[in-house]
N, C-alpha and C. Protein backbone atom coordinates (compact mmCIF):
# COMPACT_ATOMS: atom_id res chain seq x y z
N MET A 1 -75.53 -81.85 -122.30
CA MET A 1 -75.50 -81.46 -123.79
C MET A 1 -75.96 -82.63 -124.64
N SER A 2 -77.01 -82.26 -125.73
CA SER A 2 -77.55 -83.38 -126.39
C SER A 2 -76.44 -83.92 -127.39
N ASN A 3 -76.83 -85.17 -127.97
CA ASN A 3 -75.95 -85.74 -128.88
C ASN A 3 -75.83 -84.94 -130.21
N ASN A 4 -76.87 -84.23 -130.68
CA ASN A 4 -76.73 -83.46 -131.88
C ASN A 4 -75.70 -82.26 -131.57
N ALA A 5 -75.91 -81.71 -130.41
CA ALA A 5 -75.09 -80.42 -130.02
C ALA A 5 -73.55 -80.98 -129.94
N LEU A 6 -73.39 -82.13 -129.42
CA LEU A 6 -71.97 -82.70 -129.33
C LEU A 6 -71.38 -82.85 -130.60
N ARG A 7 -72.29 -83.33 -131.60
CA ARG A 7 -71.68 -83.62 -132.88
C ARG A 7 -71.43 -82.43 -133.71
N ARG A 8 -72.28 -81.32 -133.35
CA ARG A 8 -71.95 -80.03 -134.06
C ARG A 8 -70.68 -79.43 -133.44
N PHE A 9 -70.54 -79.46 -132.07
CA PHE A 9 -69.35 -78.94 -131.60
C PHE A 9 -68.06 -79.62 -131.98
N TYR A 10 -68.26 -80.98 -132.05
CA TYR A 10 -67.00 -81.73 -132.52
C TYR A 10 -66.70 -81.42 -133.86
N SER A 11 -67.70 -81.30 -134.76
CA SER A 11 -67.51 -80.99 -136.17
C SER A 11 -66.73 -79.76 -136.46
N ALA A 12 -67.40 -78.81 -135.58
CA ALA A 12 -66.77 -77.42 -135.78
C ALA A 12 -65.17 -77.43 -135.28
N SER A 13 -64.97 -78.24 -134.12
CA SER A 13 -63.48 -78.38 -133.72
C SER A 13 -62.64 -79.19 -134.78
N VAL A 14 -63.22 -80.12 -135.50
CA VAL A 14 -62.48 -80.81 -136.66
C VAL A 14 -62.25 -79.86 -137.85
N SER A 15 -63.23 -79.04 -138.08
CA SER A 15 -63.08 -78.18 -139.19
C SER A 15 -61.99 -77.03 -138.91
N ILE A 16 -61.88 -76.55 -137.77
CA ILE A 16 -60.85 -75.71 -137.22
C ILE A 16 -59.48 -76.26 -137.33
N ALA A 17 -59.51 -77.64 -136.79
CA ALA A 17 -58.29 -78.15 -136.82
C ALA A 17 -57.78 -78.45 -138.23
N THR A 18 -58.71 -78.65 -139.15
CA THR A 18 -58.33 -78.82 -140.63
C THR A 18 -57.86 -77.71 -141.23
N ILE A 19 -58.39 -76.53 -140.82
CA ILE A 19 -58.00 -75.20 -141.52
C ILE A 19 -56.54 -74.94 -140.81
N ALA A 20 -56.43 -75.09 -139.50
CA ALA A 20 -55.07 -74.92 -138.98
C ALA A 20 -54.05 -75.72 -139.70
N ASN A 21 -54.30 -77.01 -139.95
CA ASN A 21 -53.38 -77.78 -140.67
C ASN A 21 -52.95 -77.32 -142.00
N MET A 22 -53.95 -76.78 -142.75
CA MET A 22 -53.74 -76.22 -144.11
C MET A 22 -53.05 -75.02 -144.04
N VAL A 23 -53.09 -74.27 -143.00
CA VAL A 23 -52.28 -73.00 -142.66
C VAL A 23 -50.83 -73.48 -142.39
N GLY A 24 -50.73 -74.51 -141.64
CA GLY A 24 -49.26 -75.03 -141.35
C GLY A 24 -48.66 -75.61 -142.65
N THR A 25 -49.47 -76.25 -143.63
CA THR A 25 -48.93 -76.77 -144.75
C THR A 25 -48.59 -75.49 -145.72
N GLY A 26 -49.34 -74.48 -145.63
CA GLY A 26 -49.03 -73.29 -146.38
C GLY A 26 -47.77 -72.63 -145.98
N ILE A 27 -47.49 -72.63 -144.69
CA ILE A 27 -46.12 -72.09 -144.16
C ILE A 27 -44.91 -72.91 -144.61
N ILE A 28 -45.11 -74.39 -144.73
CA ILE A 28 -44.15 -75.15 -145.27
C ILE A 28 -43.87 -74.73 -146.66
N PHE A 29 -44.82 -74.54 -147.39
CA PHE A 29 -44.54 -74.25 -148.94
C PHE A 29 -43.82 -72.97 -148.95
N VAL A 30 -44.14 -72.06 -148.01
CA VAL A 30 -43.42 -70.63 -148.09
C VAL A 30 -42.00 -70.91 -147.71
N LEU A 31 -41.72 -71.69 -146.77
CA LEU A 31 -40.38 -71.97 -146.18
C LEU A 31 -39.63 -72.68 -147.32
N VAL A 32 -40.21 -73.57 -148.01
CA VAL A 32 -39.50 -74.28 -148.97
C VAL A 32 -39.11 -73.35 -150.07
N ALA A 33 -39.89 -72.46 -150.51
CA ALA A 33 -39.68 -71.29 -151.49
C ALA A 33 -38.49 -70.51 -151.04
N ILE A 34 -38.41 -70.10 -149.71
CA ILE A 34 -37.48 -69.23 -149.15
C ILE A 34 -36.22 -70.04 -149.22
N LEU A 35 -36.18 -71.31 -149.00
CA LEU A 35 -34.77 -72.10 -148.83
C LEU A 35 -34.33 -72.31 -150.21
N ASN A 36 -35.18 -72.48 -151.26
CA ASN A 36 -34.76 -72.65 -152.58
C ASN A 36 -34.16 -71.37 -153.19
N ALA A 37 -34.79 -70.31 -152.83
CA ALA A 37 -34.41 -68.94 -153.32
C ALA A 37 -32.94 -68.66 -152.64
N ASP A 38 -32.88 -69.19 -151.43
CA ASP A 38 -31.54 -69.00 -150.70
C ASP A 38 -30.46 -69.77 -151.41
N VAL A 39 -30.76 -71.00 -151.79
CA VAL A 39 -29.79 -71.86 -152.59
C VAL A 39 -29.39 -71.23 -153.64
N VAL A 40 -30.30 -70.73 -154.52
CA VAL A 40 -29.99 -70.06 -155.91
C VAL A 40 -29.25 -68.76 -155.62
N ALA A 41 -29.63 -67.93 -154.52
CA ALA A 41 -28.86 -66.76 -154.32
C ALA A 41 -27.40 -67.12 -153.84
N ARG A 42 -27.19 -68.14 -153.11
CA ARG A 42 -25.84 -68.50 -152.70
C ARG A 42 -24.88 -69.10 -153.86
N GLY A 43 -25.62 -69.92 -154.65
CA GLY A 43 -24.87 -70.66 -155.79
C GLY A 43 -24.62 -69.73 -157.02
N VAL A 44 -25.67 -68.95 -157.45
CA VAL A 44 -25.51 -68.14 -158.49
C VAL A 44 -25.01 -66.81 -158.30
N PHE A 45 -25.56 -66.07 -157.31
CA PHE A 45 -25.17 -64.73 -157.05
C PHE A 45 -24.18 -64.53 -156.01
N HIS A 46 -23.87 -65.60 -155.16
CA HIS A 46 -22.90 -65.58 -154.08
C HIS A 46 -23.36 -64.40 -153.11
N ASP A 47 -24.66 -64.38 -152.92
CA ASP A 47 -25.26 -63.48 -152.05
C ASP A 47 -26.48 -64.04 -151.24
N PRO A 48 -26.17 -64.79 -150.09
CA PRO A 48 -27.27 -65.58 -149.55
C PRO A 48 -28.36 -64.57 -148.85
N ILE A 49 -29.56 -65.05 -148.74
CA ILE A 49 -30.54 -64.32 -148.19
C ILE A 49 -30.26 -64.28 -146.65
N ARG A 50 -30.25 -63.00 -146.03
CA ARG A 50 -29.98 -62.91 -144.64
C ARG A 50 -31.19 -63.39 -143.90
N GLY A 51 -30.99 -64.12 -142.78
CA GLY A 51 -31.97 -64.46 -141.87
C GLY A 51 -32.73 -65.71 -142.11
N VAL A 52 -32.17 -66.47 -143.11
CA VAL A 52 -32.96 -67.70 -143.57
C VAL A 52 -33.01 -68.67 -142.22
N VAL A 53 -31.98 -68.84 -141.52
CA VAL A 53 -31.87 -69.76 -140.31
C VAL A 53 -32.83 -69.26 -139.39
N GLU A 54 -32.88 -68.01 -139.10
CA GLU A 54 -33.86 -67.46 -138.06
C GLU A 54 -35.34 -67.59 -138.57
N MET A 55 -35.50 -67.48 -139.85
CA MET A 55 -36.94 -67.78 -140.45
C MET A 55 -37.28 -69.21 -140.20
N VAL A 56 -36.32 -70.18 -140.44
CA VAL A 56 -36.66 -71.57 -140.31
C VAL A 56 -36.99 -71.83 -138.75
N ILE A 57 -36.08 -71.35 -137.94
CA ILE A 57 -36.48 -71.58 -136.44
C ILE A 57 -37.78 -71.00 -135.99
N PHE A 58 -38.13 -69.90 -136.67
CA PHE A 58 -39.27 -69.07 -136.11
C PHE A 58 -40.56 -69.95 -136.85
N SER A 59 -40.32 -70.41 -138.09
CA SER A 59 -41.52 -71.03 -138.84
C SER A 59 -41.86 -72.45 -138.22
N LEU A 60 -40.75 -73.23 -137.82
CA LEU A 60 -40.87 -74.55 -137.28
C LEU A 60 -41.81 -74.57 -136.21
N ALA A 61 -41.80 -73.66 -135.29
CA ALA A 61 -42.83 -73.74 -134.14
C ALA A 61 -44.22 -73.55 -134.61
N LEU A 62 -44.33 -72.63 -135.49
CA LEU A 62 -45.59 -72.36 -136.21
C LEU A 62 -46.20 -73.51 -136.83
N ILE A 63 -45.33 -74.24 -137.50
CA ILE A 63 -45.78 -75.40 -138.32
C ILE A 63 -46.25 -76.48 -137.46
N VAL A 64 -45.45 -76.78 -136.39
CA VAL A 64 -45.68 -77.96 -135.55
C VAL A 64 -46.97 -77.70 -134.87
N PHE A 65 -47.30 -76.51 -134.41
CA PHE A 65 -48.45 -76.21 -133.40
C PHE A 65 -49.58 -75.88 -134.35
N MET A 66 -49.42 -75.46 -135.56
CA MET A 66 -50.66 -75.39 -136.29
C MET A 66 -51.21 -76.65 -136.87
N GLN A 67 -50.37 -77.62 -136.96
CA GLN A 67 -50.69 -79.05 -137.52
C GLN A 67 -51.12 -80.07 -136.42
N LEU A 68 -50.71 -79.78 -135.22
CA LEU A 68 -50.85 -80.52 -134.04
C LEU A 68 -52.18 -80.91 -133.92
N PRO A 69 -53.36 -80.02 -133.81
CA PRO A 69 -54.69 -80.50 -133.50
C PRO A 69 -55.16 -81.41 -134.58
N ASP A 70 -54.83 -81.25 -135.97
CA ASP A 70 -55.29 -82.29 -136.96
C ASP A 70 -54.64 -83.69 -136.52
N VAL A 71 -53.38 -83.57 -136.13
CA VAL A 71 -52.76 -84.93 -135.83
C VAL A 71 -53.52 -85.59 -134.63
N VAL A 72 -53.91 -84.87 -133.69
CA VAL A 72 -54.67 -85.44 -132.62
C VAL A 72 -56.00 -85.93 -133.00
N ARG A 73 -56.63 -85.05 -133.97
CA ARG A 73 -58.00 -85.63 -134.43
C ARG A 73 -58.02 -86.74 -135.11
N SER A 74 -56.93 -87.03 -136.01
CA SER A 74 -56.78 -88.18 -136.84
C SER A 74 -55.99 -89.52 -136.20
N ASN A 75 -55.74 -89.28 -134.88
CA ASN A 75 -55.09 -90.24 -134.12
C ASN A 75 -53.62 -90.79 -134.79
N ARG A 76 -52.97 -89.62 -135.13
CA ARG A 76 -51.57 -89.99 -135.75
C ARG A 76 -50.59 -89.41 -134.73
N LEU A 77 -51.03 -88.91 -133.46
CA LEU A 77 -49.97 -88.37 -132.69
C LEU A 77 -49.10 -89.79 -132.16
N THR A 78 -47.79 -89.53 -132.03
CA THR A 78 -46.93 -90.59 -131.66
C THR A 78 -47.20 -91.17 -130.27
N ARG A 79 -47.22 -92.50 -130.29
CA ARG A 79 -47.66 -93.04 -129.02
C ARG A 79 -47.22 -94.49 -129.08
N SER A 80 -47.11 -95.16 -128.00
CA SER A 80 -46.96 -96.73 -127.92
C SER A 80 -48.22 -97.25 -127.59
N ASP A 81 -48.80 -97.91 -128.69
CA ASP A 81 -50.21 -98.61 -128.58
C ASP A 81 -50.12 -100.01 -128.72
N GLY A 82 -48.93 -100.72 -128.47
CA GLY A 82 -48.96 -102.10 -128.79
C GLY A 82 -49.95 -102.84 -127.82
N MET A 83 -49.98 -102.50 -126.53
CA MET A 83 -50.95 -103.07 -125.68
C MET A 83 -52.36 -102.81 -126.03
N LEU A 84 -52.65 -101.75 -126.50
CA LEU A 84 -53.98 -101.41 -126.92
C LEU A 84 -54.41 -102.26 -128.11
N LEU A 85 -53.50 -102.35 -129.08
CA LEU A 85 -53.81 -103.23 -130.29
C LEU A 85 -54.15 -104.65 -129.94
N MET A 86 -53.41 -105.22 -128.96
CA MET A 86 -53.70 -106.51 -128.53
C MET A 86 -54.94 -106.62 -127.75
N MET A 87 -55.24 -105.62 -126.96
CA MET A 87 -56.62 -105.56 -126.12
C MET A 87 -57.61 -105.46 -127.14
N PHE A 88 -57.50 -104.72 -128.26
CA PHE A 88 -58.72 -104.70 -129.10
C PHE A 88 -59.10 -106.00 -129.89
N GLU A 89 -58.07 -106.76 -129.89
CA GLU A 89 -58.33 -108.16 -130.27
C GLU A 89 -59.00 -109.07 -129.45
N SER A 90 -58.61 -108.91 -128.11
CA SER A 90 -59.27 -109.96 -127.14
C SER A 90 -60.15 -109.33 -126.24
N ARG A 91 -60.09 -108.02 -125.83
CA ARG A 91 -61.02 -107.35 -125.03
C ARG A 91 -61.32 -105.83 -125.61
N PRO A 92 -62.21 -105.89 -126.56
CA PRO A 92 -62.36 -104.66 -127.16
C PRO A 92 -63.12 -103.53 -126.31
N GLY A 93 -63.90 -103.98 -125.45
CA GLY A 93 -64.66 -103.04 -124.57
C GLY A 93 -63.73 -102.50 -123.57
N ALA A 94 -62.68 -103.29 -122.88
CA ALA A 94 -61.75 -102.72 -122.10
C ALA A 94 -60.79 -101.72 -122.72
N ALA A 95 -60.44 -102.06 -124.08
CA ALA A 95 -59.62 -101.33 -124.85
C ALA A 95 -60.26 -99.98 -125.09
N ARG A 96 -61.57 -99.86 -125.36
CA ARG A 96 -62.22 -98.76 -125.52
C ARG A 96 -62.27 -97.80 -124.27
N ILE A 97 -62.35 -98.45 -123.23
CA ILE A 97 -62.47 -97.66 -121.98
C ILE A 97 -61.07 -97.06 -121.76
N MET A 98 -59.97 -97.84 -122.01
CA MET A 98 -58.73 -97.38 -121.73
C MET A 98 -58.33 -96.37 -122.66
N THR A 99 -58.83 -96.41 -123.88
CA THR A 99 -58.67 -95.26 -124.91
C THR A 99 -59.09 -93.99 -124.36
N ARG A 100 -60.46 -94.21 -123.85
CA ARG A 100 -61.10 -92.83 -123.34
C ARG A 100 -60.30 -92.30 -122.13
N VAL A 101 -59.86 -93.16 -121.39
CA VAL A 101 -58.96 -92.80 -120.08
C VAL A 101 -57.62 -92.15 -120.66
N ILE A 102 -57.06 -92.60 -121.71
CA ILE A 102 -55.91 -91.96 -122.09
C ILE A 102 -56.10 -90.67 -122.75
N ASP A 103 -57.23 -90.48 -123.53
CA ASP A 103 -57.60 -89.22 -124.25
C ASP A 103 -57.96 -88.22 -123.03
N LEU A 104 -58.54 -88.65 -122.06
CA LEU A 104 -58.84 -87.80 -120.83
C LEU A 104 -57.65 -87.18 -120.28
N VAL A 105 -56.72 -88.16 -119.84
CA VAL A 105 -55.58 -87.80 -119.32
C VAL A 105 -54.59 -86.79 -120.38
N ALA A 106 -54.65 -87.05 -121.62
CA ALA A 106 -54.00 -86.27 -122.57
C ALA A 106 -54.63 -84.91 -122.53
N GLY A 107 -55.91 -84.80 -122.62
CA GLY A 107 -56.56 -83.46 -122.49
C GLY A 107 -56.36 -82.56 -121.37
N ILE A 108 -56.19 -83.34 -120.19
CA ILE A 108 -55.79 -82.68 -118.90
C ILE A 108 -54.38 -82.00 -119.17
N PHE A 109 -53.42 -82.72 -119.66
CA PHE A 109 -52.21 -82.24 -119.88
C PHE A 109 -52.14 -81.00 -120.99
N MET A 110 -52.88 -81.25 -121.88
CA MET A 110 -52.99 -80.14 -122.96
C MET A 110 -53.59 -78.96 -122.29
N ALA A 111 -54.63 -79.06 -121.44
CA ALA A 111 -55.25 -77.90 -120.69
C ALA A 111 -54.15 -77.24 -119.83
N LEU A 112 -53.41 -78.03 -119.16
CA LEU A 112 -52.33 -77.58 -118.23
C LEU A 112 -51.44 -76.58 -119.09
N ILE A 113 -51.03 -77.19 -120.16
CA ILE A 113 -49.97 -76.33 -120.98
C ILE A 113 -50.71 -75.06 -121.53
N ALA A 114 -52.01 -75.05 -121.95
CA ALA A 114 -52.63 -73.81 -122.29
C ALA A 114 -52.69 -72.73 -121.17
N TRP A 115 -53.06 -73.42 -119.92
CA TRP A 115 -53.22 -72.57 -118.77
C TRP A 115 -51.89 -71.87 -118.49
N THR A 116 -50.72 -72.60 -118.68
CA THR A 116 -49.44 -72.13 -118.48
C THR A 116 -48.95 -71.13 -119.58
N MET A 117 -49.32 -71.28 -120.70
CA MET A 117 -48.83 -70.58 -121.96
C MET A 117 -49.64 -69.22 -122.13
N TRP A 118 -50.95 -69.17 -121.45
CA TRP A 118 -51.63 -67.86 -121.68
C TRP A 118 -50.95 -66.76 -121.13
N PRO A 119 -50.60 -66.87 -119.79
CA PRO A 119 -49.96 -65.68 -119.24
C PRO A 119 -48.69 -65.24 -119.83
N GLU A 120 -47.93 -66.24 -120.47
CA GLU A 120 -46.74 -65.90 -121.12
C GLU A 120 -47.00 -65.02 -122.39
N PHE A 121 -48.16 -65.53 -123.14
CA PHE A 121 -48.54 -64.92 -124.33
C PHE A 121 -49.01 -63.43 -123.96
N ILE A 122 -49.86 -63.25 -122.83
CA ILE A 122 -50.15 -61.97 -122.46
C ILE A 122 -48.93 -61.00 -122.14
N GLU A 123 -48.07 -61.60 -121.45
CA GLU A 123 -46.79 -60.85 -120.99
C GLU A 123 -46.02 -60.44 -122.27
N SER A 124 -45.91 -61.36 -123.24
CA SER A 124 -45.11 -61.09 -124.37
C SER A 124 -45.76 -59.92 -125.27
N PHE A 125 -47.19 -60.18 -125.36
CA PHE A 125 -47.93 -59.21 -126.19
C PHE A 125 -47.86 -57.83 -125.59
N GLU A 126 -47.98 -57.71 -124.32
CA GLU A 126 -47.93 -56.37 -123.61
C GLU A 126 -46.55 -55.77 -123.79
N THR A 127 -45.42 -56.44 -124.00
CA THR A 127 -44.21 -55.70 -124.24
C THR A 127 -44.38 -54.84 -125.47
N CYS A 128 -45.20 -54.96 -126.35
CA CYS A 128 -45.27 -54.28 -127.38
C CYS A 128 -45.95 -52.94 -127.29
N HIS A 129 -46.85 -52.87 -126.22
CA HIS A 129 -47.58 -51.72 -126.00
C HIS A 129 -48.45 -51.10 -127.04
N PHE A 130 -49.24 -52.16 -127.81
CA PHE A 130 -50.01 -51.74 -128.79
C PHE A 130 -51.07 -50.76 -128.34
N ILE A 131 -51.69 -50.85 -127.19
CA ILE A 131 -52.75 -50.31 -126.54
C ILE A 131 -52.40 -49.22 -125.57
N THR A 132 -51.52 -49.76 -124.56
CA THR A 132 -51.15 -48.85 -123.41
C THR A 132 -49.91 -48.06 -123.86
N PRO A 133 -49.68 -46.87 -123.10
CA PRO A 133 -48.48 -46.11 -123.52
C PRO A 133 -47.42 -46.84 -123.10
N PRO A 134 -46.31 -46.61 -123.99
CA PRO A 134 -45.01 -47.31 -123.86
C PRO A 134 -44.17 -46.71 -122.56
N GLU A 135 -43.38 -47.59 -122.00
CA GLU A 135 -42.61 -47.23 -120.99
C GLU A 135 -41.23 -46.43 -121.38
N PHE A 136 -41.11 -46.77 -122.68
CA PHE A 136 -39.78 -46.16 -123.34
C PHE A 136 -40.05 -45.93 -124.77
N GLY A 137 -39.20 -45.28 -125.32
CA GLY A 137 -39.31 -44.96 -126.77
C GLY A 137 -40.18 -43.91 -127.14
N PRO A 138 -40.42 -43.61 -128.49
CA PRO A 138 -41.13 -42.45 -128.85
C PRO A 138 -42.69 -42.73 -128.58
N VAL A 139 -43.29 -41.60 -128.18
CA VAL A 139 -44.78 -41.64 -127.72
C VAL A 139 -45.60 -41.71 -128.91
N PRO A 140 -46.79 -42.28 -128.92
CA PRO A 140 -47.68 -42.36 -130.21
C PRO A 140 -47.81 -40.89 -130.79
N THR A 141 -47.81 -40.97 -132.23
CA THR A 141 -47.92 -39.76 -132.85
C THR A 141 -49.27 -39.58 -133.47
N GLY A 142 -50.11 -40.57 -133.56
CA GLY A 142 -51.39 -40.46 -134.14
C GLY A 142 -51.38 -41.07 -135.48
N ASP A 143 -50.18 -41.39 -136.17
CA ASP A 143 -50.04 -41.95 -137.34
C ASP A 143 -49.96 -43.38 -137.15
N PHE A 144 -51.14 -44.16 -137.70
CA PHE A 144 -51.30 -45.51 -137.44
C PHE A 144 -50.07 -46.37 -137.70
N LEU A 145 -49.69 -46.23 -139.02
CA LEU A 145 -48.60 -47.13 -139.44
C LEU A 145 -47.18 -46.76 -138.69
N ALA A 146 -46.99 -45.64 -138.36
CA ALA A 146 -45.69 -45.37 -137.67
C ALA A 146 -45.90 -45.93 -136.21
N ASP A 147 -47.06 -45.69 -135.65
CA ASP A 147 -47.13 -46.19 -134.26
C ASP A 147 -47.08 -47.58 -134.24
N MET A 148 -47.65 -48.29 -135.23
CA MET A 148 -47.61 -49.87 -135.23
C MET A 148 -46.17 -50.24 -135.49
N SER A 149 -45.37 -49.59 -136.38
CA SER A 149 -43.94 -49.98 -136.55
C SER A 149 -43.14 -49.80 -135.28
N ALA A 150 -43.44 -48.83 -134.41
CA ALA A 150 -42.64 -48.53 -133.39
C ALA A 150 -43.02 -49.48 -132.09
N ALA A 151 -44.46 -50.06 -132.32
CA ALA A 151 -44.81 -50.94 -131.17
C ALA A 151 -44.20 -52.25 -131.53
N PHE A 152 -44.19 -52.77 -132.83
CA PHE A 152 -43.43 -54.00 -133.12
C PHE A 152 -41.92 -53.84 -132.74
N GLY A 153 -41.32 -52.74 -132.90
CA GLY A 153 -39.96 -52.57 -132.49
C GLY A 153 -39.77 -52.71 -131.01
N ARG A 154 -40.78 -52.70 -130.19
CA ARG A 154 -40.73 -52.83 -128.86
C ARG A 154 -40.97 -54.24 -128.38
N CYS A 155 -41.43 -55.01 -129.21
CA CYS A 155 -41.99 -56.34 -128.71
C CYS A 155 -40.68 -57.25 -128.51
N GLU A 156 -40.94 -58.15 -127.57
CA GLU A 156 -40.11 -59.23 -127.22
C GLU A 156 -39.81 -60.05 -128.46
N TYR A 157 -38.66 -60.24 -128.87
CA TYR A 157 -38.48 -60.85 -130.25
C TYR A 157 -37.49 -62.10 -130.27
N SER A 158 -37.59 -62.90 -131.37
CA SER A 158 -36.58 -63.97 -131.46
C SER A 158 -35.83 -63.61 -132.76
N GLY A 159 -34.65 -64.17 -132.82
CA GLY A 159 -33.85 -63.95 -134.02
C GLY A 159 -32.47 -63.14 -133.77
N THR A 160 -31.94 -62.65 -134.61
CA THR A 160 -30.65 -62.00 -134.49
C THR A 160 -30.79 -60.43 -134.87
N PRO A 161 -30.60 -59.47 -134.05
CA PRO A 161 -30.72 -58.07 -134.37
C PRO A 161 -29.93 -57.66 -135.57
N GLY A 162 -30.47 -56.92 -136.56
CA GLY A 162 -29.65 -56.55 -137.72
C GLY A 162 -29.74 -57.62 -138.91
N ILE A 163 -30.25 -58.82 -138.61
CA ILE A 163 -30.26 -59.74 -139.66
C ILE A 163 -31.77 -60.16 -139.91
N PHE A 164 -32.44 -60.81 -138.83
CA PHE A 164 -33.86 -61.08 -138.86
C PHE A 164 -34.52 -61.10 -137.37
N THR A 165 -35.39 -60.44 -137.14
CA THR A 165 -36.11 -60.57 -135.94
C THR A 165 -37.55 -60.63 -136.08
N ALA A 166 -38.35 -61.35 -135.25
CA ALA A 166 -39.76 -61.50 -135.26
C ALA A 166 -40.33 -61.46 -133.82
N PRO A 167 -41.56 -60.77 -133.51
CA PRO A 167 -41.97 -60.73 -132.15
C PRO A 167 -42.47 -62.23 -131.81
N TRP A 168 -42.24 -62.54 -130.44
CA TRP A 168 -42.46 -63.87 -129.91
C TRP A 168 -43.95 -64.11 -129.70
N TRP A 169 -44.83 -63.02 -129.66
CA TRP A 169 -46.12 -63.38 -129.15
C TRP A 169 -46.99 -64.18 -130.24
N PRO A 170 -46.73 -63.97 -131.68
CA PRO A 170 -47.57 -64.85 -132.51
C PRO A 170 -47.37 -66.27 -132.21
N ILE A 171 -45.97 -66.69 -131.87
CA ILE A 171 -45.70 -67.98 -131.70
C ILE A 171 -46.45 -68.57 -130.35
N LYS A 172 -46.36 -67.77 -129.22
CA LYS A 172 -47.13 -68.17 -128.12
C LYS A 172 -48.62 -68.17 -128.26
N LEU A 173 -49.18 -67.35 -129.06
CA LEU A 173 -50.54 -67.41 -129.51
C LEU A 173 -50.90 -68.57 -130.12
N ALA A 174 -49.96 -68.94 -131.12
CA ALA A 174 -50.16 -70.24 -131.85
C ALA A 174 -50.18 -71.46 -130.90
N ILE A 175 -49.33 -71.41 -130.06
CA ILE A 175 -49.17 -72.46 -128.97
C ILE A 175 -50.51 -72.47 -128.16
N CYS A 176 -50.90 -71.46 -127.65
CA CYS A 176 -52.18 -71.48 -126.83
C CYS A 176 -53.42 -71.97 -127.65
N PHE A 177 -53.47 -71.53 -128.92
CA PHE A 177 -54.61 -71.82 -129.84
C PHE A 177 -54.51 -73.45 -130.02
N SER A 178 -53.22 -73.80 -130.29
CA SER A 178 -53.21 -75.24 -130.76
C SER A 178 -53.46 -76.17 -129.54
N VAL A 179 -52.93 -75.83 -128.25
CA VAL A 179 -53.10 -76.86 -127.21
C VAL A 179 -54.53 -76.79 -126.67
N THR A 180 -55.17 -75.53 -126.83
CA THR A 180 -56.50 -75.38 -126.43
C THR A 180 -57.48 -76.30 -127.33
N LEU A 181 -57.20 -76.26 -128.57
CA LEU A 181 -58.06 -76.99 -129.57
C LEU A 181 -57.76 -78.46 -129.26
N CYS A 182 -56.49 -78.98 -129.04
CA CYS A 182 -56.01 -80.23 -128.72
C CYS A 182 -56.86 -80.84 -127.53
N THR A 183 -56.95 -79.69 -126.51
CA THR A 183 -57.75 -80.13 -125.25
C THR A 183 -59.18 -80.36 -125.48
N ILE A 184 -59.65 -79.62 -126.44
CA ILE A 184 -61.08 -79.84 -126.81
C ILE A 184 -61.33 -81.09 -127.57
N ILE A 185 -60.44 -81.40 -128.56
CA ILE A 185 -60.60 -82.79 -129.21
C ILE A 185 -60.33 -83.91 -128.44
N PHE A 186 -59.39 -83.86 -127.47
CA PHE A 186 -59.04 -84.97 -126.57
C PHE A 186 -60.38 -85.10 -125.58
N PHE A 187 -60.82 -84.09 -125.02
CA PHE A 187 -61.91 -84.26 -124.26
C PHE A 187 -63.30 -84.79 -124.94
N MET A 188 -63.44 -84.31 -126.18
CA MET A 188 -64.50 -84.90 -126.85
C MET A 188 -64.44 -86.25 -127.26
N LYS A 189 -63.13 -86.72 -127.71
CA LYS A 189 -63.01 -88.15 -127.93
C LYS A 189 -63.25 -88.94 -126.63
N ALA A 190 -62.70 -88.44 -125.39
CA ALA A 190 -63.01 -89.18 -124.19
C ALA A 190 -64.40 -89.24 -123.95
N LEU A 191 -65.14 -88.23 -124.23
CA LEU A 191 -66.66 -88.22 -123.89
C LEU A 191 -67.45 -89.02 -124.74
N ILE A 192 -67.11 -88.88 -126.09
CA ILE A 192 -68.04 -89.59 -127.13
C ILE A 192 -67.66 -91.14 -127.39
N GLY A 193 -66.34 -91.32 -127.29
CA GLY A 193 -65.85 -92.86 -127.45
C GLY A 193 -66.26 -93.38 -128.82
N SER A 194 -66.56 -94.68 -128.68
CA SER A 194 -66.68 -95.36 -129.94
C SER A 194 -67.96 -94.98 -130.68
N LYS A 195 -69.02 -94.63 -130.11
CA LYS A 195 -70.12 -94.10 -130.67
C LYS A 195 -69.94 -92.92 -131.45
N GLY A 196 -69.19 -91.95 -130.83
CA GLY A 196 -68.82 -90.76 -131.58
C GLY A 196 -67.82 -91.05 -132.59
N ALA A 197 -67.00 -92.02 -132.50
CA ALA A 197 -66.12 -92.30 -133.55
C ALA A 197 -66.84 -92.85 -134.79
N ASP A 198 -67.89 -93.61 -134.56
CA ASP A 198 -68.67 -94.12 -135.77
C ASP A 198 -69.40 -93.01 -136.45
N LEU A 199 -69.87 -92.11 -135.49
CA LEU A 199 -70.68 -90.89 -136.08
C LEU A 199 -69.60 -89.93 -137.08
N PHE A 200 -68.63 -89.87 -136.50
CA PHE A 200 -67.73 -88.83 -137.12
C PHE A 200 -66.67 -89.46 -138.12
N ASN A 201 -66.75 -90.89 -138.20
CA ASN A 201 -65.80 -91.58 -139.04
C ASN A 201 -64.33 -91.29 -138.69
N ILE A 202 -64.07 -91.22 -137.38
CA ILE A 202 -62.80 -91.06 -137.01
C ILE A 202 -62.03 -92.43 -136.50
N GLY A 203 -62.85 -93.27 -136.35
CA GLY A 203 -62.19 -94.70 -135.91
C GLY A 203 -61.74 -94.58 -134.50
N ASP A 204 -62.28 -95.72 -133.77
CA ASP A 204 -61.94 -95.65 -132.26
C ASP A 204 -60.70 -96.62 -131.94
N ARG A 205 -60.20 -97.26 -133.08
CA ARG A 205 -59.05 -98.14 -132.89
C ARG A 205 -57.85 -97.26 -133.30
N PRO A 206 -56.83 -97.35 -132.56
CA PRO A 206 -55.67 -96.61 -132.72
C PRO A 206 -55.12 -97.11 -134.15
N ALA A 207 -54.54 -95.92 -134.79
CA ALA A 207 -53.95 -96.13 -136.11
C ALA A 207 -52.58 -96.68 -136.04
């Protein structure tokens, strides 16, 4: 693959990671609004919003995994880099090679997570029977909205029945998307190295 093709592919990955980060930030704002509304409802009307705890638990997974690729892209993932920082002062060439190796290993681990999570997402999604005939419950009526409502009711869910429930497959899909994008970014950083860092202004030295 040519250098220009690598640049375009990496730039596209960075753009997707940035958009995903913005989505995660938007979820945070929505969650803050819900929490503030719950505080007002509790303190003023003595009638708390039902399911706030379940909403927080459900949202946290989305927030973390939607923002993870941009964290990887900007070298802000938590790590112990004291030895690398010292090596960059005395042996910058060896430090860059070690950084590439670390990014490669991290990419392999992310790929393993994606490979593990994809079947779990498929299994969770299939519990809804959006396309296939359901094993139980009402048969499709031909009414799109009614059939979709019935399908979501069959989904594997998180939460507390009667208070707040949400299907699990969006969370698992977000995890698959996140770790797959992290895999691509790690592999591109391992492949491009310091030259790619200069091209894309991402910095080869750990933050």
